[in-house]
Amino acid sequence: MAGPSLRPHVHWAQRHRELYLRVELSDVQHPDISITDNVLRFKAQGHGAKGDNIYEFEIEFLEPVEPKPVCRVTQRQLNITVQKKESNWWERLTKQEKRPLFLAPDFDRWLDESDAEMELREKEEEKINKMKIESRVPKDPFKHLKKGYLAMYNLVQFLGFSWIFVNMTVRLFILGKSFYDTFHTISDMMYFCQTLALMEIMNSLIGLVRSPLIPAVVQVLGRNFVLFVVLGSLEEMQSKPVVFFVFYFWSIIELFRYPYYMLSCINIEWKPLTWLRYTTWIPLYPLGGLAEAVCIIQSIPIFSETGKYSLGLPNPLNVTIQFSFLLQLYLIALFLGLFVNFRHLYKQRKHHLGPKKRKMK
């Protein structure tokens, strides 16, 4: 014959609209909590006064309550919140007049009726004050116009980089074209997209988007330096295979970034796209950075030989600052910039994909 069930210690408190139950069980597993016919039934495995066992209890409430309790489990205890159907003050918790032995007041949260009414009034006053403050804040008359502009900007960029990615993929893997003509077939669209990307710096600068300014400056200006200065000004660089990898990694990254921001402008979140946006950068940013570094390294001898963009200082200094030397310094800045963007994207990934606090209902 089974012995009597074990009951945990339960502490309770109330407000006009809610009941609070604190169950003294640690390491709770598989809690089963329900309210039927105004009776709360509890059963769970946990560590209580009688050690690690299955504990259970029933409480028939004094007055009607909502049938959906909210449960929050911590390492040391289990908290249950029950909504009253009517806002009033109960003289006791249970329908039976004699209080069950396992039930006691929660003095940490206990208030008498007058204190609870005062707390209720304070909450109402706080709510009214908040509404007054919000009513004084002027509404942005250009809100929809800004959202429309941002959605259109991200759509245009997505279409541009999609064209680049599809064109490069088809030419290489289907038509069997070589790496060497990438710049001559793709550069016009890349020029357009990267010039338009300067708007991202402006958007962040004027507060149109909440993205921090420095990561935007690092990415946009870094790419434009490689595109316009290194590749655009040296014909010898335009036929090198590294151009394909630079353009290809750039386009893949943007295939997920721009549609994610476009949907965010219209308050739509597609979880697979969110995951891709904050995950694909992990392999792609190092590969893109490596391709850019190879591009810079290959251009250094060409700039040294031609003397292009080198700066000769007048007498009496009579010193020439080689542009190739500046490129060597830029390589250091390139990897520092990658670190800045990595740090920013890691924080963003943690914010969007990090663990959420779970509530059991």
Foldseek 3Di string as FASTA:
>chain_A
DDDDAAAFAWAWADAQWKIKIKTFWAPWDDWDWWADPQKIKIWIFGQGPVGTDIHIDIARFQADWDTDWWWAHDRGIIMIMTTRPGRDDDPDGGNDPDDDPSYYHDVVPYDDHVVSVVVVVVVVVVVVVVVVVVVPDDDDPCLVVLLVVLLVLLVVLLVLLVCLQVVLCCVCPPVNHDLQCSCVVNVVSVVVNLVSLVVVLVCQVVVSDVDHNLLSCLVSVLVCCCNCPLQVPDVVLNRDSLVSQLSNLVSVLSNLVSVQSSCVSVPDHDPVSVCCNLPVCVVSVVSNLVSSLVSLVVRLVVQVVVVPPWDADDPPVRDIRGVSVVSVVVNVVSVVSSVVNVVVSVVVCCVPPNDDRDIDD
